[in-house]
Amino acid sequence: MSNPARAYLDSASAEPLHPAAHATLAAALDQGWADPRRLHHEGRRARLLLDNAREVVAEALAVRPDEVTFTSSGTDAVHRGLLGLHRGRRTGTSTAGPLVHSAVEHSSVLHAARWTQDPVVEVPVTRTGVVTPQALRERLEQLTEAGTRASVAAIQHANHEVATIQPVAELLEELGDVPLFLDACASAGRVALPDGWAAAAASAHKWGGPAGVGVLLVRKGARWRNPFPGDDRVDERGSGFENVPAALAAAAALQAVTAERADLAARQTALVDRVRSTVAALPDVEVAGEAVQRLPHLVTFSCLYVDGEALVTELDRRGVAISSGSACTASTLEPSHVLAAMGVLTHGNVRLSLTRDSGDAEVDHLLDVLPEVVRDLRAQVGL
């Protein structure tokens, strides 16, 4: 039920467990605890549940079941997907070539790119966070002129901070035969995935599944090679003992949110539109990201002369839970590399992301207390 006294508006960090996931997890804990690699009855039962989870995820994301691998997190899926494509481009002892990524990728992509110790090429974005075909073309042409070519391109489907959805189909035309790694952690379950990518990653706790479940998707025919030490598990693309109950609960949540996403997206879009227009009317406040081509549930805005962490703290005292800065850098108090790449305000920014249960009451509560909080914090610095 809606609780205006306490508004949790940080689903981009973690969506509350979906009721479908909660019910499935409770049942699966009693049935799916065994090792799915074993041939005894308990192992075969766990393997059946794991295969069922894989089939449900495949149907929800419009891929084949044998293209789905469960990992320990979305970050793990990103690393395996991107680095596997990069390694797959190597021939013999030759290098794979430069890895290309947009300037607004999640930090997991940036860390993986640096880890390769191979050349990395960054593609700039517009002020709303869009990777344009022209910008990508220019970077690829620069590589050609230098006598090399990209090994893989990493382009997120939708940005985790500002919600901007990338024009993937247009970018694929520029890439040609360069494989595309798609970070879909922010978008999977909320909007349909595009076509044409070679590998992709998703994260269950973003759609209301349990934390600790990532999804790696590797298309049939993709030149993907395991970038890490191998394991003799059921699925060679992953490693370690699969958490079968959590995977099944993640699949149940994904199936549920996919079925309801059209209605949910319409409701969330209307709520976020109201937030965008209201906060944009406040003095010295800037809303970031695309206004139309965006995820339905998320918006980031920056307040000049206000510390983002202080804003989060004061809103939390008034019953509003949101995040500040980059989801992956806020704890270090570093400015968001996403906002910096876009050329918008990097301090005094907050990210609001609606849950499936967020409604008018939660949004009203935020919009009621926000002007006073901003005004008080500015007054503390003499403004």
Protein backbone atom coordinates (compact mmCIF):
# COMPACT_ATOMS: atom_id res chain seq x y z
CA MET A 1 0.00 0.00 0.00
CA SER A 2 1.08 3.58 -0.58
CA ASN A 3 2.68 5.22 2.46
CA PRO A 4 3.14 8.97 2.00
CA ALA A 5 4.84 9.23 5.41
CA ARG A 6 7.77 7.29 3.98
CA ALA A 7 8.51 7.48 0.24
CA TYR A 8 11.13 5.03 -1.06
CA LEU A 9 12.18 6.44 -4.42
CA ASP A 10 15.42 4.58 -5.13
CA SER A 11 14.39 1.54 -7.13
CA ALA A 12 17.33 2.08 -9.51
CA SER A 13 19.53 0.97 -6.62
CA ALA A 14 17.20 -1.84 -5.56
CA GLU A 15 13.56 -2.51 -6.36
CA PRO A 16 11.63 -4.05 -3.45
CA LEU A 17 11.15 -7.78 -3.84
CA HIS A 18 8.23 -8.45 -6.18
CA PRO A 19 5.40 -10.49 -4.61
CA ALA A 20 5.89 -13.12 -7.33
CA ALA A 21 9.56 -13.42 -6.39
CA HIS A 22 8.76 -13.60 -2.69
CA ALA A 23 6.29 -16.47 -3.12
CA THR A 24 8.54 -18.36 -5.54
CA LEU A 25 11.63 -17.97 -3.39
CA ALA A 26 9.90 -19.39 -0.33
CA ALA A 27 8.82 -22.49 -2.25
CA ALA A 28 12.10 -22.92 -4.13
CA LEU A 29 14.18 -22.86 -0.94
CA ASP A 30 12.62 -26.23 -0.02
CA GLN A 31 13.05 -27.75 -3.47
CA GLY A 32 16.10 -26.20 -5.17
CA TRP A 33 18.88 -26.38 -2.58
CA ALA A 34 20.82 -29.27 -4.15
CA ASP A 35 23.67 -29.13 -6.68
CA PRO A 36 22.07 -29.10 -10.17
CA ARG A 37 25.15 -30.85 -11.57
CA ARG A 38 24.52 -34.03 -9.58
CA LEU A 39 22.63 -37.03 -10.95
CA HIS A 40 20.73 -38.03 -7.84
CA HIS A 41 17.05 -37.16 -7.36
CA GLU A 42 17.69 -33.93 -5.44
CA GLY A 43 20.24 -32.75 -8.00
CA ARG A 44 17.95 -33.53 -10.94
CA ARG A 45 15.14 -31.63 -9.21
CA ALA A 46 17.39 -28.59 -8.76
CA ARG A 47 18.51 -28.84 -12.39
CA LEU A 48 14.88 -28.91 -13.51
CA LEU A 49 14.15 -25.75 -11.53
CA LEU A 50 17.25 -24.03 -12.92
CA ASP A 51 16.28 -24.95 -16.47
CA ASN A 52 12.79 -23.65 -15.83
CA ALA A 53 14.20 -20.35 -14.59
CA ARG A 54 16.35 -20.10 -17.70
CA GLU A 55 13.36 -20.72 -19.98
CA VAL A 56 11.23 -18.09 -18.23
CA VAL A 57 13.98 -15.47 -18.46
CA ALA A 58 14.59 -16.34 -22.10
CA GLU A 59 10.92 -15.89 -22.98
CA ALA A 60 10.70 -12.58 -21.11
CA LEU A 61 13.81 -11.18 -22.81
CA ALA A 62 13.08 -12.69 -26.26
CA VAL A 63 16.20 -14.88 -26.43
CA ARG A 64 16.91 -18.63 -26.50
CA PRO A 65 17.17 -20.55 -23.21
CA ASP A 66 20.68 -21.72 -24.07
CA GLU A 67 21.73 -18.06 -24.42
CA VAL A 68 20.94 -17.38 -20.74
CA THR A 69 23.48 -17.74 -17.92
CA PHE A 70 22.85 -16.86 -14.28
CA THR A 71 25.72 -15.05 -12.60
CA SER A 72 26.40 -13.75 -9.10
CA SER A 73 25.46 -10.14 -9.95
CA GLY A 74 24.82 -7.69 -12.75
CA THR A 75 28.42 -6.50 -12.45
CA ASP A 76 29.67 -10.07 -12.91
CA ALA A 77 27.46 -10.42 -15.99
CA VAL A 78 28.85 -7.16 -17.40
CA HIS A 79 32.43 -8.29 -16.88
CA ARG A 80 31.85 -11.72 -18.40
CA GLY A 81 29.86 -10.42 -21.35
CA LEU A 82 32.15 -7.56 -22.32
CA LEU A 83 35.49 -9.25 -21.64
CA GLY A 84 34.32 -12.47 -23.29
CA LEU A 85 33.54 -10.65 -26.53
CA HIS A 86 36.84 -8.79 -26.32
CA ARG A 87 38.81 -12.01 -25.83
CA GLY A 88 36.85 -13.70 -28.59
CA ARG A 89 38.31 -11.25 -31.10
CA ARG A 90 41.87 -12.37 -30.42
CA THR A 91 43.57 -14.63 -32.96
CA GLY A 92 46.65 -16.49 -31.80
CA THR A 93 48.96 -14.17 -29.91
CA SER A 94 47.63 -11.00 -31.54
CA THR A 95 45.81 -8.38 -29.53
CA ALA A 96 42.06 -8.05 -29.84
CA GLY A 97 42.12 -4.37 -30.80
CA PRO A 98 40.83 -1.31 -28.95
CA LEU A 99 37.70 -1.57 -26.84
CA VAL A 100 35.16 1.18 -27.58
CA HIS A 101 32.64 2.42 -25.03
CA SER A 102 30.45 5.45 -24.49
CA ALA A 103 31.43 8.12 -21.97
CA VAL A 104 28.38 7.38 -19.82
CA GLU A 105 28.75 3.63 -19.27
CA HIS A 106 28.35 2.15 -15.81
CA SER A 107 31.56 1.95 -13.79
CA SER A 108 31.57 -1.85 -14.18
CA VAL A 109 32.19 -1.35 -17.91
CA LEU A 110 34.90 1.24 -17.28
CA HIS A 111 36.70 -1.01 -14.79
CA ALA A 112 36.51 -3.99 -17.14
CA ALA A 113 37.88 -1.94 -20.03
CA ARG A 114 40.85 -0.75 -17.98
CA TRP A 115 41.46 -4.28 -16.69
CA THR A 116 42.20 -5.53 -20.23
CA GLN A 117 45.23 -3.19 -20.44
CA ASP A 118 44.39 -2.86 -24.14
CA PRO A 119 43.67 0.51 -25.78
CA VAL A 120 40.31 2.01 -24.88
CA VAL A 121 38.39 4.53 -26.98
CA GLU A 122 35.66 6.67 -25.41
CA VAL A 123 32.74 7.99 -27.44
CA PRO A 124 31.35 11.37 -26.30
CA VAL A 125 27.67 12.02 -25.72
CA THR A 126 25.29 14.93 -26.14
CA ARG A 127 24.09 17.13 -23.30
CA THR A 128 21.16 14.73 -22.79
CA GLY A 129 23.45 11.68 -22.70
CA VAL A 130 22.86 10.35 -26.22
CA VAL A 131 25.53 8.53 -28.20
CA THR A 132 24.97 9.82 -31.74
CA PRO A 133 25.79 7.74 -34.82
CA GLN A 134 28.07 10.55 -35.99
CA ALA A 135 30.11 10.51 -32.77
CA LEU A 136 30.53 6.74 -32.99
CA ARG A 137 31.41 6.93 -36.68
CA GLU A 138 34.12 9.50 -36.01
CA ARG A 139 35.76 7.32 -33.38
CA LEU A 140 35.68 4.25 -35.60
CA GLU A 141 37.12 6.23 -38.52
CA GLN A 142 39.95 7.43 -36.29
CA LEU A 143 40.80 3.81 -35.52
CA THR A 144 40.77 2.94 -39.21
CA GLU A 145 43.10 5.82 -40.00
CA ALA A 146 45.43 4.56 -37.27
CA GLY A 147 45.52 1.13 -38.90
CA THR A 148 43.44 -0.74 -36.36
CA ARG A 149 39.81 -1.58 -35.62
CA ALA A 150 37.61 -2.00 -32.59
CA SER A 151 37.36 -5.38 -30.88
CA VAL A 152 34.00 -4.68 -29.28
CA ALA A 153 31.75 -1.72 -28.55
CA ALA A 154 30.02 -1.31 -25.17
CA ILE A 155 26.85 0.77 -25.38
CA GLN A 156 24.32 0.69 -22.56
CA HIS A 157 20.69 0.30 -23.53
CA ALA A 158 19.52 2.94 -21.06
CA ASN A 159 21.50 5.05 -18.65
CA HIS A 160 21.37 4.08 -14.99
CA GLU A 161 21.57 7.71 -13.79
CA VAL A 162 19.62 9.88 -16.23
CA ALA A 163 17.34 7.28 -17.93
CA THR A 164 18.34 8.19 -21.50
CA ILE A 165 17.70 5.33 -23.96
CA GLN A 166 20.33 4.98 -26.66
CA PRO A 167 19.49 4.68 -30.40
CA VAL A 168 20.89 1.15 -30.57
CA ALA A 169 19.58 0.32 -34.04
CA GLU A 170 21.27 3.38 -35.56
CA LEU A 171 24.52 2.70 -33.73
CA LEU A 172 24.57 -0.88 -34.99
CA GLU A 173 24.59 0.43 -38.55
CA GLU A 174 27.83 2.25 -37.78
CA LEU A 175 29.41 -0.73 -36.03
CA GLY A 176 29.11 -3.11 -38.96
CA ASP A 177 30.73 -6.40 -37.90
CA VAL A 178 32.09 -5.00 -34.61
CA PRO A 179 30.18 -6.90 -31.89
CA LEU A 180 28.02 -4.91 -29.50
CA PHE A 181 27.93 -5.50 -25.77
CA LEU A 182 24.70 -4.16 -24.30
CA ASP A 183 24.45 -3.21 -20.64
CA ALA A 184 20.75 -3.73 -20.01
CA CYS A 185 20.90 -3.73 -16.21
CA ALA A 186 18.81 -0.57 -15.96
CA SER A 187 16.32 -1.47 -18.69
CA ALA A 188 15.67 -5.22 -18.64
CA GLY A 189 12.10 -5.92 -17.60
CA ARG A 190 11.09 -2.27 -17.91
CA VAL A 191 11.34 -1.88 -21.69
CA ALA A 192 11.87 -4.40 -24.49
CA LEU A 193 15.48 -5.06 -25.43
CA PRO A 194 16.63 -4.06 -28.91
CA ASP A 195 17.97 -6.53 -31.47
CA GLY A 196 21.44 -6.92 -32.91
CA TRP A 197 23.72 -7.20 -29.87
CA ALA A 198 26.17 -10.06 -29.35
CA ALA A 199 26.10 -10.17 -25.54
CA ALA A 200 24.14 -8.38 -22.85
CA ALA A 201 23.88 -8.16 -19.07
CA ALA A 202 20.98 -7.68 -16.66
CA SER A 203 20.51 -7.55 -12.89
CA ALA A 204 17.58 -9.16 -11.08
CA HIS A 205 17.30 -6.77 -8.13
CA LYS A 206 16.60 -3.96 -10.60
CA TRP A 207 13.26 -5.56 -11.56
CA GLY A 208 12.23 -6.87 -8.15
CA GLY A 209 14.13 -10.13 -8.05
CA PRO A 210 16.53 -11.11 -5.26
CA ALA A 211 19.90 -9.41 -4.97
CA GLY A 212 22.88 -11.51 -6.01
CA VAL A 213 21.43 -12.71 -9.32
CA GLY A 214 22.76 -11.41 -12.61
CA VAL A 215 21.88 -12.53 -16.11
CA LEU A 216 24.43 -12.92 -18.89
CA LEU A 217 23.05 -13.25 -22.41
CA VAL A 218 25.35 -14.48 -25.18
CA ARG A 219 23.84 -14.85 -28.62
CA LYS A 220 24.36 -18.01 -30.62
CA GLY A 221 27.18 -17.46 -33.09
CA ALA A 222 28.81 -14.68 -31.07
CA ARG A 223 32.58 -14.95 -30.82
CA TRP A 224 32.67 -15.14 -27.05
CA ARG A 225 35.44 -16.83 -25.04
CA ASN A 226 35.52 -17.17 -21.28
CA PRO A 227 37.85 -14.41 -20.01
CA PHE A 228 38.27 -15.99 -16.57
CA PRO A 229 39.41 -19.38 -15.26
CA GLY A 230 36.97 -22.08 -16.29
CA ASP A 231 34.69 -24.13 -14.10
CA ASP A 232 33.08 -27.54 -14.63
CA ARG A 233 29.57 -26.33 -13.91
CA VAL A 234 26.47 -27.00 -16.01
CA ASP A 235 26.92 -23.69 -17.85
CA GLU A 236 30.51 -23.03 -19.00
CA ARG A 237 29.86 -19.26 -19.28
CA GLY A 238 29.44 -18.96 -15.52
CA SER A 239 31.27 -20.23 -12.47
CA GLY A 240 30.44 -21.41 -9.00
CA PHE A 241 27.38 -23.04 -7.46
CA GLU A 242 24.22 -21.55 -8.93
CA ASN A 243 21.73 -20.11 -6.45
CA VAL A 244 18.80 -22.05 -7.86
CA PRO A 245 16.05 -20.67 -5.57
CA ALA A 246 17.18 -17.07 -6.22
CA ALA A 247 17.40 -17.66 -9.97
CA LEU A 248 13.86 -19.07 -10.00
CA ALA A 249 12.58 -16.13 -7.94
CA ALA A 250 14.32 -13.70 -10.29
CA ALA A 251 12.66 -15.37 -13.25
CA ALA A 252 9.24 -15.18 -11.59
CA ALA A 253 9.67 -11.46 -10.91
CA LEU A 254 10.85 -10.80 -14.47
CA GLN A 255 7.87 -12.67 -15.90
CA ALA A 256 5.52 -10.64 -13.71
CA VAL A 257 7.01 -7.22 -14.45
CA THR A 258 7.16 -7.96 -18.18
CA ALA A 259 3.46 -8.79 -18.17
CA GLU A 260 2.55 -5.58 -16.33
CA ARG A 261 5.10 -3.18 -17.79
CA ALA A 262 2.85 -1.44 -20.31
CA ASP A 263 0.43 -0.25 -17.64
CA LEU A 264 3.23 0.40 -15.16
CA ALA A 265 5.26 2.40 -17.68
CA ALA A 266 2.29 4.61 -18.50
CA ARG A 267 1.66 5.36 -14.83
CA GLN A 268 5.32 5.94 -14.01
CA THR A 269 5.88 8.13 -17.07
CA ALA A 270 3.07 10.43 -15.97
CA LEU A 271 4.49 10.67 -12.44
CA VAL A 272 8.03 11.37 -13.65
CA ASP A 273 6.74 13.96 -16.14
CA ARG A 274 5.15 15.77 -13.19
CA VAL A 275 8.39 15.64 -11.22
CA ARG A 276 10.40 16.88 -14.19
CA SER A 277 8.14 19.87 -14.83
CA THR A 278 7.79 20.79 -11.16
CA VAL A 279 11.46 20.67 -10.19
CA ALA A 280 12.50 22.42 -13.41
CA ALA A 281 10.43 25.42 -12.28
CA LEU A 282 12.47 25.77 -9.07
CA PRO A 283 15.23 28.41 -9.11
CA ASP A 284 18.62 27.16 -10.36
CA VAL A 285 17.54 23.55 -10.83
CA GLU A 286 18.52 21.54 -13.92
CA VAL A 287 16.86 18.31 -15.06
CA ALA A 288 19.23 15.87 -16.79
CA GLY A 289 18.65 13.39 -19.61
CA GLU A 290 16.23 12.90 -22.46
CA ALA A 291 12.67 14.06 -21.88
CA VAL A 292 11.01 11.47 -24.15
CA GLN A 293 13.42 8.68 -25.12
CA ARG A 294 13.98 7.53 -21.57
CA LEU A 295 13.15 4.91 -18.99
CA PRO A 296 9.69 5.56 -17.51
CA HIS A 297 10.56 5.46 -13.82
CA LEU A 298 13.71 7.53 -13.36
CA VAL A 299 14.79 11.18 -13.34
CA THR A 300 17.89 13.04 -12.15
CA PHE A 301 18.03 16.74 -11.36
CA SER A 302 20.73 19.03 -9.96
CA CYS A 303 20.29 21.93 -7.58
CA LEU A 304 22.89 24.68 -7.85
CA TYR A 305 24.58 25.77 -4.58
CA VAL A 306 23.40 22.60 -2.80
CA ASP A 307 25.47 19.61 -1.72
CA GLY A 308 23.93 16.42 -3.06
CA GLU A 309 24.71 14.33 0.01
CA ALA A 310 23.22 16.98 2.29
CA LEU A 311 20.11 17.04 0.12
CA VAL A 312 19.73 13.27 0.40
CA THR A 313 20.20 13.42 4.18
CA GLU A 314 17.64 16.17 4.70
CA LEU A 315 15.10 14.50 2.44
CA ASP A 316 15.62 11.24 4.29
CA ARG A 317 14.86 13.02 7.57
CA ARG A 318 11.57 14.07 6.01
CA GLY A 319 10.72 10.55 4.86
CA VAL A 320 11.99 10.57 1.27
CA ALA A 321 14.62 8.03 0.19
CA ILE A 322 16.51 8.95 -2.98
CA SER A 323 20.14 8.73 -4.09
CA SER A 324 22.76 11.31 -4.97
CA GLY A 325 25.48 11.36 -7.58
CA SER A 326 26.40 8.24 -9.46
CA ALA A 327 24.93 5.06 -8.07
CA CYS A 328 28.45 3.64 -8.19
CA THR A 329 30.44 6.67 -6.96
CA ALA A 330 28.24 8.31 -4.33
CA SER A 331 29.98 6.48 -1.50
CA THR A 332 33.32 7.96 -2.60
CA LEU A 333 31.87 11.48 -2.84
CA GLU A 334 33.27 11.73 -6.36
CA PRO A 335 31.34 13.71 -9.00
CA SER A 336 29.30 11.59 -11.37
CA HIS A 337 31.30 10.76 -14.50
CA VAL A 338 27.98 10.43 -16.36
CA LEU A 339 26.87 13.99 -15.61
CA ALA A 340 30.39 15.30 -16.24
CA ALA A 341 30.46 13.66 -19.67
CA MET A 342 27.11 15.26 -20.47
CA GLY A 343 28.34 18.70 -19.43
CA VAL A 344 25.59 19.27 -16.86
CA LEU A 345 25.78 20.10 -13.15
CA THR A 346 27.68 17.38 -11.29
CA HIS A 347 27.00 18.49 -7.72
CA GLY A 348 23.77 18.97 -5.84
CA ASN A 349 22.19 16.26 -7.94
CA VAL A 350 19.71 13.59 -6.88
CA ARG A 351 18.24 10.61 -8.67
CA LEU A 352 14.61 9.68 -8.15
CA SER A 353 13.44 6.23 -9.30
CA LEU A 354 9.92 4.95 -8.72
CA THR A 355 9.06 1.47 -7.50
CA ARG A 356 6.13 -0.50 -8.90
CA ASP A 357 4.07 0.67 -5.89
CA SER A 358 5.02 4.37 -6.03
CA GLY A 359 2.05 6.61 -6.61
CA ASP A 360 0.78 10.17 -6.33
CA ALA A 361 1.18 10.17 -2.55
CA GLU A 362 4.93 9.51 -2.67
CA VAL A 363 5.51 12.03 -5.44
CA ASP A 364 3.36 14.62 -3.67
CA HIS A 365 5.38 14.09 -0.50
CA LEU A 366 8.66 14.68 -2.33
CA LEU A 367 7.41 17.77 -4.14
CA ASP A 368 5.97 19.17 -0.92
CA VAL A 369 9.22 18.98 1.05
CA LEU A 370 11.80 19.54 -1.70
CA PRO A 371 11.51 23.35 -2.10
CA GLU A 372 11.88 23.93 1.63
CA VAL A 373 14.88 21.59 1.86
CA VAL A 374 16.65 23.26 -1.05
CA ARG A 375 15.88 26.71 0.33
CA ASP A 376 17.20 25.80 3.81
CA LEU A 377 20.41 24.26 2.48
CA ARG A 378 21.10 27.30 0.33
CA ALA A 379 20.48 29.54 3.31
CA GLN A 380 23.15 27.66 5.23
CA VAL A 381 25.75 28.82 2.72
CA GLY A 382 24.48 32.40 2.69
CA LEU A 383 22.18 32.27 -0.35
